[in-house]
């Protein structure tokens, strides 16, 4: 991934948190069937491996898993808040007119050698953990154990687990760091404006809270 120095985010805890907050990753492989990409919700196990381990599952009916078992490396792309940036938000527009539109976004790319898992205990832990991660904030969280055991057992036979120890991970936080402070403030104000059709409060909050060191 092309990352100008101003946009590089290398803190592993920040990268892992993006994955937690935006767990739907794009699993990409170049195997026997050519380039394949499947959106899959992942969990990050931060303490496992040198840069964490990703775990997920796919439907057995999805032929992508057969390619996964034959590749030496895969790429998983996670995309966080993103949005169009109009030059109209830059105060410097009034001074020079030398401004153009752009797009702000945050993304994490993770590479590793995937392995397939069909062990029932592993699969049950994965679906339990994934469900808990998404349900725990609800007033009455649903749990896998709420469904009949025979039904869950049948459903588990229809999925295949994927585990990816992360060998390399990169983050790009494109948040107008290359613009003057006045322009950054203008972008944040524009993104959070309820009157703007391209308003993006999530991106504005990210710009306000991100440590630019």
N, C-alpha and C. Protein backbone atom coordinates (compact mmCIF):
# COMPACT_ATOMS: atom_id res chain seq x y z
N UNK A 1 0.85 -1.18 0.00
CA UNK A 1 0.00 0.00 0.00
C UNK A 1 0.89 1.24 0.00
N UNK A 2 0.57 2.18 -0.86
CA UNK A 2 1.31 3.43 -0.91
C UNK A 2 0.92 4.28 0.30
N UNK A 3 1.93 4.64 1.13
CA UNK A 3 1.66 5.42 2.34
C UNK A 3 2.67 6.55 2.45
N UNK A 4 2.30 7.78 2.10
CA UNK A 4 3.19 8.91 2.38
C UNK A 4 3.47 8.99 3.88
N UNK A 5 4.66 9.43 4.27
CA UNK A 5 5.03 9.44 5.69
C UNK A 5 4.00 10.12 6.60
N UNK A 6 3.37 11.20 6.12
CA UNK A 6 2.42 11.92 6.97
C UNK A 6 1.20 11.09 7.32
N UNK A 7 0.90 10.07 6.51
CA UNK A 7 -0.31 9.28 6.71
C UNK A 7 -0.03 7.91 7.34
N UNK A 8 1.21 7.61 7.61
CA UNK A 8 1.54 6.27 8.13
C UNK A 8 1.14 6.14 9.60
N UNK A 9 0.47 5.06 9.94
CA UNK A 9 0.12 4.73 11.32
C UNK A 9 0.72 3.35 11.62
N UNK A 10 1.70 3.33 12.52
CA UNK A 10 2.43 2.09 12.79
C UNK A 10 2.16 1.52 14.18
N UNK A 11 1.42 2.23 15.02
CA UNK A 11 1.18 1.73 16.37
C UNK A 11 0.24 0.53 16.32
N UNK A 12 0.74 -0.61 16.75
CA UNK A 12 -0.01 -1.86 16.60
C UNK A 12 -1.33 -1.81 17.34
N UNK A 13 -1.38 -1.14 18.49
CA UNK A 13 -2.63 -1.08 19.25
C UNK A 13 -3.69 -0.26 18.51
N UNK A 14 -3.26 0.75 17.76
CA UNK A 14 -4.19 1.55 16.97
C UNK A 14 -4.73 0.74 15.79
N UNK A 15 -3.84 -0.02 15.15
CA UNK A 15 -4.25 -0.86 14.03
C UNK A 15 -5.23 -1.94 14.48
N UNK A 16 -4.93 -2.57 15.61
CA UNK A 16 -5.83 -3.61 16.13
C UNK A 16 -7.19 -3.03 16.50
N UNK A 17 -7.20 -1.82 17.04
CA UNK A 17 -8.48 -1.21 17.44
C UNK A 17 -9.34 -0.90 16.21
N UNK A 18 -8.71 -0.49 15.12
CA UNK A 18 -9.47 -0.27 13.89
C UNK A 18 -10.16 -1.56 13.46
N UNK A 19 -9.44 -2.69 13.56
CA UNK A 19 -10.01 -3.99 13.20
C UNK A 19 -11.18 -4.32 14.12
N UNK A 20 -11.04 -4.04 15.40
CA UNK A 20 -12.14 -4.31 16.34
C UNK A 20 -13.37 -3.46 16.02
N UNK A 21 -13.14 -2.22 15.69
CA UNK A 21 -14.25 -1.31 15.43
C UNK A 21 -14.89 -1.53 14.06
N UNK A 22 -14.10 -2.05 13.11
CA UNK A 22 -14.60 -2.27 11.74
C UNK A 22 -14.16 -3.68 11.31
N UNK A 23 -14.78 -4.71 11.87
CA UNK A 23 -14.29 -6.09 11.70
C UNK A 23 -14.53 -6.72 10.34
N UNK A 24 -15.35 -6.11 9.49
CA UNK A 24 -15.62 -6.72 8.19
C UNK A 24 -14.42 -6.47 7.28
N UNK A 25 -13.60 -7.51 7.11
CA UNK A 25 -12.41 -7.40 6.27
C UNK A 25 -12.64 -8.02 4.91
N UNK A 26 -11.89 -7.56 3.93
CA UNK A 26 -11.94 -8.13 2.58
C UNK A 26 -10.79 -9.12 2.45
N UNK A 27 -11.13 -10.41 2.51
CA UNK A 27 -10.14 -11.48 2.38
C UNK A 27 -9.81 -11.65 0.90
N UNK A 28 -8.54 -11.46 0.55
CA UNK A 28 -8.12 -11.46 -0.85
C UNK A 28 -7.01 -12.47 -1.07
N UNK A 29 -7.16 -13.30 -2.10
CA UNK A 29 -6.14 -14.29 -2.44
C UNK A 29 -5.92 -14.30 -3.95
N UNK A 30 -4.73 -14.75 -4.33
CA UNK A 30 -4.40 -14.99 -5.74
C UNK A 30 -3.97 -16.44 -5.84
N UNK A 31 -4.95 -17.32 -6.04
CA UNK A 31 -4.69 -18.75 -6.05
C UNK A 31 -5.04 -19.40 -7.37
N UNK A 32 -5.42 -20.66 -7.28
CA UNK A 32 -5.71 -21.44 -8.49
C UNK A 32 -6.84 -20.85 -9.32
N UNK A 33 -7.77 -20.17 -8.67
CA UNK A 33 -8.92 -19.59 -9.39
C UNK A 33 -8.69 -18.14 -9.79
N UNK A 34 -7.46 -17.66 -9.59
CA UNK A 34 -7.17 -16.26 -9.88
C UNK A 34 -7.43 -15.38 -8.66
N UNK A 35 -7.64 -14.10 -8.89
CA UNK A 35 -7.91 -13.18 -7.79
C UNK A 35 -9.33 -13.38 -7.26
N UNK A 36 -9.42 -13.63 -5.95
CA UNK A 36 -10.72 -13.77 -5.29
C UNK A 36 -10.76 -12.86 -4.08
N UNK A 37 -11.94 -12.31 -3.79
CA UNK A 37 -12.11 -11.45 -2.62
C UNK A 37 -13.46 -11.75 -1.98
N UNK A 38 -13.45 -11.94 -0.67
CA UNK A 38 -14.68 -12.23 0.07
C UNK A 38 -14.76 -11.35 1.31
N UNK A 39 -15.84 -10.58 1.50
CA UNK A 39 -16.02 -9.84 2.76
C UNK A 39 -16.33 -10.81 3.89
N UNK A 40 -15.55 -10.73 4.97
CA UNK A 40 -15.69 -11.66 6.09
C UNK A 40 -15.50 -10.89 7.40
N UNK A 41 -16.37 -11.10 8.42
CA UNK A 41 -16.11 -10.50 9.72
C UNK A 41 -15.00 -11.26 10.45
N UNK A 42 -13.98 -10.53 10.87
CA UNK A 42 -12.82 -11.12 11.53
C UNK A 42 -12.77 -10.72 13.01
N UNK A 43 -12.09 -11.53 13.78
CA UNK A 43 -11.70 -11.18 15.14
C UNK A 43 -10.19 -11.11 15.20
N UNK A 44 -9.66 -10.13 15.94
CA UNK A 44 -8.22 -10.02 16.13
C UNK A 44 -7.87 -10.51 17.53
N UNK A 45 -6.93 -11.44 17.59
CA UNK A 45 -6.41 -11.94 18.86
C UNK A 45 -5.02 -11.32 19.02
N UNK A 46 -4.97 -10.19 19.72
CA UNK A 46 -3.79 -9.33 19.73
C UNK A 46 -2.56 -9.98 20.34
N UNK A 47 -2.75 -10.87 21.31
CA UNK A 47 -1.62 -11.43 22.03
C UNK A 47 -1.05 -12.67 21.36
N UNK A 48 -1.63 -13.11 20.27
CA UNK A 48 -1.17 -14.33 19.61
C UNK A 48 -0.36 -13.99 18.37
N UNK A 49 0.87 -14.51 18.30
CA UNK A 49 1.73 -14.23 17.16
C UNK A 49 2.45 -12.90 17.32
N UNK A 50 3.34 -12.61 16.37
CA UNK A 50 4.17 -11.41 16.50
C UNK A 50 3.37 -10.12 16.28
N UNK A 51 2.30 -10.18 15.49
CA UNK A 51 1.50 -8.99 15.24
C UNK A 51 0.01 -9.25 15.41
N UNK A 52 -0.33 -10.34 16.13
CA UNK A 52 -1.72 -10.71 16.31
C UNK A 52 -2.13 -11.79 15.33
N UNK A 53 -3.29 -12.39 15.58
CA UNK A 53 -3.83 -13.44 14.73
C UNK A 53 -5.28 -13.11 14.39
N UNK A 54 -5.64 -13.27 13.14
CA UNK A 54 -7.01 -13.07 12.67
C UNK A 54 -7.72 -14.41 12.57
N UNK A 55 -8.98 -14.45 12.99
CA UNK A 55 -9.79 -15.66 12.86
C UNK A 55 -11.16 -15.30 12.30
N UNK A 56 -11.67 -16.18 11.45
CA UNK A 56 -12.97 -15.97 10.81
C UNK A 56 -13.50 -17.31 10.33
N UNK A 57 -14.65 -17.28 9.71
CA UNK A 57 -15.17 -18.47 9.04
C UNK A 57 -15.91 -18.05 7.78
N UNK A 58 -15.97 -18.97 6.83
CA UNK A 58 -16.72 -18.73 5.60
C UNK A 58 -17.65 -19.92 5.37
N UNK A 59 -18.64 -19.70 4.54
CA UNK A 59 -19.56 -20.78 4.20
C UNK A 59 -18.83 -21.86 3.40
N UNK A 60 -19.10 -23.10 3.72
CA UNK A 60 -18.50 -24.20 2.97
C UNK A 60 -18.92 -24.13 1.49
N UNK A 61 -20.09 -23.57 1.24
CA UNK A 61 -20.57 -23.43 -0.13
C UNK A 61 -19.78 -22.40 -0.93
N UNK A 62 -19.02 -21.55 -0.24
CA UNK A 62 -18.20 -20.53 -0.90
C UNK A 62 -16.90 -21.18 -1.38
N UNK A 63 -16.67 -21.26 -2.69
CA UNK A 63 -15.47 -21.95 -3.18
C UNK A 63 -14.16 -21.27 -2.82
N UNK A 64 -14.23 -20.06 -2.29
CA UNK A 64 -13.00 -19.33 -1.97
C UNK A 64 -12.12 -20.10 -0.99
N UNK A 65 -12.73 -20.83 -0.06
CA UNK A 65 -11.92 -21.51 0.96
C UNK A 65 -11.00 -22.55 0.34
N UNK A 66 -11.38 -23.11 -0.79
CA UNK A 66 -10.51 -24.10 -1.44
C UNK A 66 -9.24 -23.45 -1.98
N UNK A 67 -9.35 -22.21 -2.44
CA UNK A 67 -8.15 -21.49 -2.86
C UNK A 67 -7.31 -21.08 -1.66
N UNK A 68 -7.97 -20.76 -0.55
CA UNK A 68 -7.24 -20.33 0.64
C UNK A 68 -6.23 -21.38 1.09
N UNK A 69 -6.62 -22.64 0.99
CA UNK A 69 -5.73 -23.69 1.48
C UNK A 69 -4.50 -23.88 0.61
N UNK A 70 -4.49 -23.29 -0.60
CA UNK A 70 -3.36 -23.49 -1.49
C UNK A 70 -2.44 -22.30 -1.65
N UNK A 71 -2.70 -21.20 -0.94
CA UNK A 71 -1.87 -20.01 -1.11
C UNK A 71 -0.86 -19.86 0.02
N UNK A 72 0.27 -19.26 -0.31
CA UNK A 72 1.30 -19.02 0.70
C UNK A 72 1.04 -17.75 1.49
N UNK A 73 0.20 -16.87 0.95
CA UNK A 73 -0.08 -15.60 1.62
C UNK A 73 -1.42 -15.08 1.16
N UNK A 74 -2.11 -14.40 2.07
CA UNK A 74 -3.35 -13.70 1.72
C UNK A 74 -3.28 -12.29 2.27
N UNK A 75 -4.17 -11.45 1.81
CA UNK A 75 -4.28 -10.06 2.27
C UNK A 75 -5.69 -9.83 2.78
N UNK A 76 -5.80 -9.20 3.94
CA UNK A 76 -7.10 -8.80 4.47
C UNK A 76 -7.09 -7.28 4.62
N UNK A 77 -8.11 -6.62 4.03
CA UNK A 77 -8.20 -5.17 4.05
C UNK A 77 -9.38 -4.75 4.92
N UNK A 78 -9.10 -3.89 5.89
CA UNK A 78 -10.13 -3.33 6.76
C UNK A 78 -10.24 -1.83 6.47
N UNK A 79 -11.46 -1.36 6.27
CA UNK A 79 -11.69 0.06 5.97
C UNK A 79 -12.52 0.68 7.07
N UNK A 80 -12.02 1.78 7.60
CA UNK A 80 -12.73 2.52 8.64
C UNK A 80 -13.50 3.69 8.06
N UNK A 81 -13.71 4.76 8.83
CA UNK A 81 -14.43 5.93 8.33
C UNK A 81 -13.75 6.49 7.09
N UNK A 82 -14.55 7.03 6.17
CA UNK A 82 -14.02 7.60 4.93
C UNK A 82 -15.00 8.64 4.41
N UNK A 83 -14.51 9.56 3.60
CA UNK A 83 -15.41 10.56 3.06
C UNK A 83 -14.73 11.54 2.13
N UNK A 84 -15.52 12.12 1.26
CA UNK A 84 -15.08 13.12 0.29
C UNK A 84 -14.74 14.42 1.00
N UNK A 85 -13.66 15.07 0.56
CA UNK A 85 -13.23 16.35 1.12
C UNK A 85 -13.29 17.41 0.02
N UNK A 86 -14.20 18.38 0.17
CA UNK A 86 -14.34 19.44 -0.82
C UNK A 86 -13.35 20.57 -0.55
N UNK A 87 -12.77 21.18 -1.59
CA UNK A 87 -11.87 22.33 -1.39
C UNK A 87 -12.57 23.51 -0.71
N UNK A 88 -13.89 23.53 -0.76
CA UNK A 88 -14.63 24.64 -0.16
C UNK A 88 -14.42 24.72 1.35
N UNK A 89 -13.94 23.64 1.95
CA UNK A 89 -13.71 23.64 3.40
C UNK A 89 -12.36 24.24 3.78
N UNK A 90 -11.48 24.47 2.79
CA UNK A 90 -10.14 24.97 3.09
C UNK A 90 -10.15 26.50 3.13
N UNK A 91 -9.77 27.12 4.24
CA UNK A 91 -9.61 28.57 4.26
C UNK A 91 -8.58 29.05 3.23
N UNK A 92 -7.57 28.24 2.93
CA UNK A 92 -6.55 28.66 1.98
C UNK A 92 -7.11 28.79 0.56
N UNK A 93 -8.29 28.24 0.32
CA UNK A 93 -8.93 28.40 -0.99
C UNK A 93 -9.13 29.87 -1.30
N UNK A 94 -9.50 30.64 -0.29
CA UNK A 94 -9.74 32.06 -0.50
C UNK A 94 -8.45 32.82 -0.79
N UNK A 95 -7.30 32.25 -0.38
CA UNK A 95 -6.03 32.94 -0.54
C UNK A 95 -5.37 32.66 -1.88
N UNK A 96 -5.39 31.41 -2.32
CA UNK A 96 -4.62 31.04 -3.50
C UNK A 96 -5.44 30.38 -4.61
N UNK A 97 -6.58 29.80 -4.28
CA UNK A 97 -7.39 29.00 -5.21
C UNK A 97 -6.68 27.73 -5.67
N UNK A 98 -5.46 27.48 -5.14
CA UNK A 98 -4.68 26.31 -5.55
C UNK A 98 -5.03 25.13 -4.65
N UNK A 99 -6.24 24.63 -4.81
CA UNK A 99 -6.72 23.50 -4.00
C UNK A 99 -7.53 22.58 -4.90
N UNK A 100 -7.58 21.33 -4.55
CA UNK A 100 -8.36 20.33 -5.30
C UNK A 100 -9.06 19.42 -4.31
N UNK A 101 -10.11 18.72 -4.75
CA UNK A 101 -10.79 17.77 -3.86
C UNK A 101 -9.89 16.59 -3.52
N UNK A 102 -10.23 15.90 -2.46
CA UNK A 102 -9.52 14.68 -2.10
C UNK A 102 -10.49 13.78 -1.35
N UNK A 103 -9.96 12.68 -0.83
CA UNK A 103 -10.77 11.72 -0.08
C UNK A 103 -9.99 11.34 1.17
N UNK A 104 -10.59 11.47 2.33
CA UNK A 104 -9.95 11.04 3.57
C UNK A 104 -10.46 9.66 3.96
N UNK A 105 -9.60 8.86 4.56
CA UNK A 105 -9.99 7.51 4.96
C UNK A 105 -8.95 6.93 5.90
N UNK A 106 -9.34 5.87 6.58
CA UNK A 106 -8.39 5.09 7.38
C UNK A 106 -8.54 3.63 6.97
N UNK A 107 -7.43 2.94 6.87
CA UNK A 107 -7.46 1.55 6.45
C UNK A 107 -6.30 0.79 7.06
N UNK A 108 -6.52 -0.50 7.28
CA UNK A 108 -5.48 -1.41 7.75
C UNK A 108 -5.39 -2.57 6.78
N UNK A 109 -4.16 -2.89 6.37
CA UNK A 109 -3.90 -4.05 5.53
C UNK A 109 -3.08 -5.06 6.33
N UNK A 110 -3.50 -6.30 6.32
CA UNK A 110 -2.79 -7.35 7.07
C UNK A 110 -2.51 -8.53 6.15
N UNK A 111 -1.27 -9.01 6.20
CA UNK A 111 -0.85 -10.14 5.37
C UNK A 111 -0.46 -11.32 6.26
N UNK A 112 -0.65 -12.52 5.76
CA UNK A 112 -0.22 -13.71 6.49
C UNK A 112 -0.55 -14.96 5.72
N UNK A 113 0.01 -16.07 6.16
CA UNK A 113 -0.29 -17.36 5.55
C UNK A 113 -1.51 -17.95 6.23
N UNK A 114 -2.60 -18.15 5.49
CA UNK A 114 -3.83 -18.66 6.12
C UNK A 114 -3.81 -20.17 6.26
N UNK A 115 -4.55 -20.64 7.24
CA UNK A 115 -4.76 -22.08 7.35
C UNK A 115 -6.25 -22.33 7.59
N UNK A 116 -6.73 -23.42 7.03
CA UNK A 116 -8.12 -23.80 7.22
C UNK A 116 -8.27 -24.61 8.48
N UNK A 117 -9.41 -24.44 9.16
CA UNK A 117 -9.69 -25.17 10.40
C UNK A 117 -11.09 -25.75 10.32
N UNK A 118 -11.19 -27.05 10.54
CA UNK A 118 -12.51 -27.71 10.54
C UNK A 118 -12.80 -28.37 11.89
N UNK A 119 -11.94 -28.12 12.87
CA UNK A 119 -12.13 -28.67 14.21
C UNK A 119 -13.37 -28.05 14.86
N UNK A 120 -14.24 -28.88 15.40
CA UNK A 120 -15.51 -28.40 15.95
C UNK A 120 -15.31 -27.47 17.14
N UNK A 121 -14.35 -27.77 18.00
CA UNK A 121 -14.11 -26.93 19.18
C UNK A 121 -13.61 -25.54 18.75
N UNK A 122 -12.72 -25.52 17.77
CA UNK A 122 -12.20 -24.24 17.26
C UNK A 122 -13.34 -23.42 16.66
N UNK A 123 -14.17 -24.07 15.85
CA UNK A 123 -15.28 -23.36 15.21
C UNK A 123 -16.27 -22.83 16.23
N UNK A 124 -16.55 -23.62 17.25
CA UNK A 124 -17.50 -23.16 18.28
C UNK A 124 -16.94 -21.96 19.03
N UNK A 125 -15.64 -21.99 19.33
CA UNK A 125 -15.05 -20.84 20.00
C UNK A 125 -15.13 -19.60 19.10
N UNK A 126 -14.87 -19.78 17.82
CA UNK A 126 -14.87 -18.65 16.90
C UNK A 126 -16.25 -18.01 16.80
N UNK A 127 -17.28 -18.81 16.66
CA UNK A 127 -18.62 -18.23 16.54
C UNK A 127 -19.09 -17.67 17.88
N UNK A 128 -18.68 -18.30 18.98
CA UNK A 128 -19.01 -17.74 20.30
C UNK A 128 -18.35 -16.38 20.48
N UNK A 129 -17.05 -16.30 20.17
CA UNK A 129 -16.31 -15.04 20.34
C UNK A 129 -16.85 -13.95 19.43
N UNK A 130 -17.14 -14.30 18.18
CA UNK A 130 -17.65 -13.31 17.23
C UNK A 130 -19.02 -12.80 17.66
N UNK A 131 -19.87 -13.71 18.09
CA UNK A 131 -21.20 -13.31 18.55
C UNK A 131 -21.11 -12.41 19.78
N UNK A 132 -20.26 -12.80 20.74
CA UNK A 132 -20.11 -12.01 21.96
C UNK A 132 -19.60 -10.61 21.64
N UNK A 133 -18.66 -10.50 20.71
CA UNK A 133 -18.10 -9.19 20.36
C UNK A 133 -19.17 -8.25 19.82
N UNK A 134 -20.15 -8.79 19.11
CA UNK A 134 -21.18 -7.95 18.52
C UNK A 134 -22.43 -7.78 19.40
N UNK A 135 -22.65 -8.71 20.30
CA UNK A 135 -23.87 -8.70 21.10
C UNK A 135 -23.70 -8.11 22.51
N UNK A 136 -22.47 -8.05 22.99
CA UNK A 136 -22.26 -7.74 24.41
C UNK A 136 -22.79 -6.38 24.85
N UNK A 137 -22.88 -5.42 23.93
CA UNK A 137 -23.36 -4.09 24.31
C UNK A 137 -24.88 -3.98 24.30
N UNK A 138 -25.57 -5.02 23.83
CA UNK A 138 -27.03 -4.97 23.76
C UNK A 138 -27.65 -5.21 25.14
N UNK A 139 -28.82 -4.65 25.40
CA UNK A 139 -29.47 -4.84 26.70
C UNK A 139 -29.73 -6.32 27.01
N UNK A 140 -30.11 -7.07 25.99
CA UNK A 140 -30.35 -8.50 26.16
C UNK A 140 -29.57 -9.25 25.08
N UNK A 141 -28.27 -9.43 25.28
CA UNK A 141 -27.44 -10.04 24.24
C UNK A 141 -27.83 -11.48 23.93
N UNK A 142 -27.84 -11.77 22.64
CA UNK A 142 -28.08 -13.13 22.19
C UNK A 142 -26.78 -13.91 22.25
N UNK A 143 -26.85 -15.19 22.59
CA UNK A 143 -25.67 -16.06 22.63
C UNK A 143 -25.93 -17.27 21.77
N UNK A 144 -24.85 -17.85 21.25
CA UNK A 144 -24.99 -19.04 20.41
C UNK A 144 -25.72 -20.15 21.16
N UNK A 145 -25.46 -20.25 22.45
CA UNK A 145 -26.10 -21.27 23.26
C UNK A 145 -27.60 -21.11 23.40
N UNK A 146 -28.15 -19.98 22.97
CA UNK A 146 -29.60 -19.80 23.03
C UNK A 146 -30.32 -20.64 21.99
N UNK A 147 -29.60 -21.04 20.94
CA UNK A 147 -30.20 -21.86 19.90
C UNK A 147 -30.04 -23.34 20.26
N UNK A 148 -30.89 -24.24 19.74
CA UNK A 148 -30.79 -25.67 20.05
C UNK A 148 -29.43 -26.24 19.62
N UNK A 149 -28.90 -27.14 20.43
CA UNK A 149 -27.58 -27.70 20.16
C UNK A 149 -27.52 -28.40 18.81
N UNK A 150 -28.55 -29.16 18.46
CA UNK A 150 -28.51 -29.88 17.20
C UNK A 150 -28.54 -28.92 16.00
N UNK A 151 -29.24 -27.80 16.17
CA UNK A 151 -29.29 -26.80 15.11
C UNK A 151 -27.91 -26.16 14.91
N UNK A 152 -27.25 -25.79 16.02
CA UNK A 152 -25.92 -25.19 15.93
C UNK A 152 -24.93 -26.18 15.33
N UNK A 153 -25.02 -27.44 15.73
CA UNK A 153 -24.12 -28.47 15.19
C UNK A 153 -24.27 -28.58 13.68
N UNK A 154 -25.50 -28.53 13.20
CA UNK A 154 -25.74 -28.61 11.76
C UNK A 154 -25.20 -27.38 11.04
N UNK A 155 -25.38 -26.21 11.65
CA UNK A 155 -24.87 -24.99 11.06
C UNK A 155 -23.35 -24.99 10.98
N UNK A 156 -22.71 -25.53 11.99
CA UNK A 156 -21.25 -25.56 12.02
C UNK A 156 -20.68 -26.46 10.93
N UNK A 157 -21.42 -27.45 10.52
CA UNK A 157 -20.96 -28.32 9.44
C UNK A 157 -20.94 -27.59 8.10
N UNK A 158 -21.62 -26.46 8.06
CA UNK A 158 -21.72 -25.70 6.81
C UNK A 158 -20.70 -24.56 6.72
N UNK A 159 -19.75 -24.51 7.67
CA UNK A 159 -18.74 -23.45 7.64
C UNK A 159 -17.34 -24.04 7.75
N UNK A 160 -16.37 -23.25 7.33
CA UNK A 160 -14.95 -23.61 7.42
C UNK A 160 -14.22 -22.46 8.10
N UNK A 161 -13.38 -22.77 9.08
CA UNK A 161 -12.64 -21.74 9.78
C UNK A 161 -11.38 -21.32 9.03
N UNK A 162 -10.99 -20.07 9.23
CA UNK A 162 -9.76 -19.54 8.64
C UNK A 162 -8.98 -18.83 9.74
N UNK A 163 -7.72 -19.18 9.88
CA UNK A 163 -6.84 -18.56 10.87
C UNK A 163 -5.63 -17.98 10.15
N UNK A 164 -5.31 -16.70 10.46
CA UNK A 164 -4.22 -16.02 9.77
C UNK A 164 -3.30 -15.35 10.80
N UNK A 165 -2.17 -15.99 11.15
CA UNK A 165 -1.18 -15.28 11.95
C UNK A 165 -0.61 -14.12 11.11
N UNK A 166 -0.67 -12.92 11.63
CA UNK A 166 -0.27 -11.76 10.84
C UNK A 166 1.25 -11.66 10.76
N UNK A 167 1.77 -11.71 9.53
CA UNK A 167 3.20 -11.55 9.30
C UNK A 167 3.57 -10.09 9.10
N UNK A 168 2.66 -9.32 8.50
CA UNK A 168 2.93 -7.91 8.20
C UNK A 168 1.61 -7.15 8.28
N UNK A 169 1.68 -5.94 8.84
CA UNK A 169 0.47 -5.14 8.99
C UNK A 169 0.82 -3.68 8.79
N UNK A 170 -0.02 -2.95 8.04
CA UNK A 170 0.20 -1.54 7.76
C UNK A 170 -1.08 -0.76 7.97
N UNK A 171 -0.92 0.48 8.38
CA UNK A 171 -2.07 1.35 8.55
C UNK A 171 -1.87 2.67 7.85
N UNK A 172 -2.92 3.16 7.22
CA UNK A 172 -2.89 4.47 6.57
C UNK A 172 -4.04 5.30 7.11
N UNK A 173 -3.69 6.40 7.76
CA UNK A 173 -4.67 7.32 8.33
C UNK A 173 -4.57 8.63 7.54
N UNK A 174 -5.35 8.76 6.49
CA UNK A 174 -5.31 9.96 5.64
C UNK A 174 -6.35 10.95 6.18
N UNK A 175 -5.87 11.87 7.01
CA UNK A 175 -6.76 12.78 7.75
C UNK A 175 -6.37 14.24 7.56
N UNK A 176 -5.93 14.57 6.37
CA UNK A 176 -5.56 15.95 6.03
C UNK A 176 -4.32 16.42 6.79
N UNK A 177 -3.46 15.48 7.22
CA UNK A 177 -2.25 15.87 7.94
C UNK A 177 -1.32 16.73 7.09
N UNK A 178 -1.46 16.64 5.77
CA UNK A 178 -0.58 17.39 4.86
C UNK A 178 -1.09 18.81 4.58
N UNK A 179 -2.19 19.19 5.23
CA UNK A 179 -2.75 20.52 5.05
C UNK A 179 -2.42 21.40 6.24
N UNK A 180 -2.43 22.73 6.05
CA UNK A 180 -2.23 23.64 7.19
C UNK A 180 -3.29 23.40 8.26
N UNK A 181 -2.98 23.81 9.48
CA UNK A 181 -3.90 23.58 10.59
C UNK A 181 -5.26 24.21 10.35
N UNK A 182 -5.28 25.38 9.73
CA UNK A 182 -6.56 26.04 9.45
C UNK A 182 -7.41 25.21 8.50
N UNK A 183 -6.78 24.58 7.52
CA UNK A 183 -7.52 23.73 6.59
C UNK A 183 -8.03 22.48 7.28
N UNK A 184 -7.22 21.91 8.17
CA UNK A 184 -7.67 20.73 8.93
C UNK A 184 -8.90 21.07 9.75
N UNK A 185 -8.87 22.23 10.39
CA UNK A 185 -10.03 22.64 11.19
C UNK A 185 -11.24 22.85 10.30
N UNK A 186 -11.03 23.41 9.11
CA UNK A 186 -12.13 23.61 8.19
C UNK A 186 -12.73 22.30 7.71
N UNK A 187 -11.87 21.30 7.47
CA UNK A 187 -12.35 19.98 7.05
C UNK A 187 -13.17 19.34 8.17
N UNK A 188 -12.65 19.39 9.40
CA UNK A 188 -13.38 18.80 10.52
C UNK A 188 -14.74 19.45 10.71
N UNK A 189 -14.79 20.78 10.58
CA UNK A 189 -16.06 21.49 10.73
C UNK A 189 -17.02 21.12 9.60
N UNK A 190 -16.50 21.01 8.39
CA UNK A 190 -17.34 20.66 7.26
C UNK A 190 -17.90 19.25 7.37
N UNK A 191 -17.05 18.32 7.79
CA UNK A 191 -17.50 16.93 7.92
C UNK A 191 -18.60 16.78 8.95
N UNK A 192 -18.55 17.58 9.99
CA UNK A 192 -19.52 17.44 11.08
C UNK A 192 -20.75 18.33 10.89
N UNK A 193 -20.79 19.09 9.81
CA UNK A 193 -21.92 20.00 9.59
C UNK A 193 -23.16 19.23 9.17
N UNK A 194 -24.28 19.42 9.86
CA UNK A 194 -25.52 18.73 9.46
C UNK A 194 -26.10 19.28 8.16
N UNK A 195 -25.60 20.44 7.71
CA UNK A 195 -26.12 21.06 6.51
C UNK A 195 -25.41 20.60 5.24
N UNK A 196 -24.30 19.89 5.40
CA UNK A 196 -23.54 19.49 4.23
C UNK A 196 -23.96 18.09 3.78
N UNK A 197 -24.26 17.90 2.49
CA UNK A 197 -24.71 16.58 2.02
C UNK A 197 -23.65 15.49 2.16
N UNK A 198 -22.39 15.91 2.26
CA UNK A 198 -21.32 14.93 2.43
C UNK A 198 -20.81 14.89 3.87
N UNK A 199 -21.61 15.40 4.80
CA UNK A 199 -21.20 15.41 6.19
C UNK A 199 -20.87 14.02 6.70
N UNK A 200 -19.88 13.93 7.56
CA UNK A 200 -19.40 12.64 8.05
C UNK A 200 -18.90 12.84 9.47
N UNK A 201 -19.79 12.72 10.44
CA UNK A 201 -19.42 12.96 11.83
C UNK A 201 -18.37 11.99 12.32
N UNK A 202 -18.42 10.74 11.87
CA UNK A 202 -17.44 9.75 12.32
C UNK A 202 -16.04 10.14 11.90
N UNK A 203 -15.88 10.63 10.67
CA UNK A 203 -14.57 11.07 10.21
C UNK A 203 -14.13 12.32 10.96
N UNK A 204 -15.05 13.23 11.24
CA UNK A 204 -14.71 14.44 11.99
C UNK A 204 -14.22 14.09 13.38
N UNK A 205 -14.88 13.16 14.04
CA UNK A 205 -14.45 12.74 15.38
C UNK A 205 -13.08 12.08 15.32
N UNK A 206 -12.84 11.31 14.28
CA UNK A 206 -11.54 10.65 14.15
C UNK A 206 -10.45 11.68 13.96
N UNK A 207 -10.70 12.69 13.14
CA UNK A 207 -9.69 13.73 12.94
C UNK A 207 -9.42 14.49 14.23
N UNK A 208 -10.45 14.73 15.02
CA UNK A 208 -10.29 15.49 16.25
C UNK A 208 -9.51 14.69 17.31
N UNK A 209 -9.72 13.37 17.31
CA UNK A 209 -9.13 12.56 18.37
C UNK A 209 -7.83 11.88 18.02
N UNK A 210 -7.41 11.92 16.73
CA UNK A 210 -6.23 11.16 16.34
C UNK A 210 -4.95 11.88 16.72
N UNK A 211 -4.05 11.14 17.35
CA UNK A 211 -2.74 11.66 17.72
C UNK A 211 -1.86 11.62 16.47
N UNK A 212 -1.37 12.78 16.04
CA UNK A 212 -0.63 12.88 14.79
C UNK A 212 0.86 12.62 14.94
N UNK A 213 1.29 12.14 16.08
CA UNK A 213 2.73 11.90 16.23
C UNK A 213 3.19 10.84 15.26
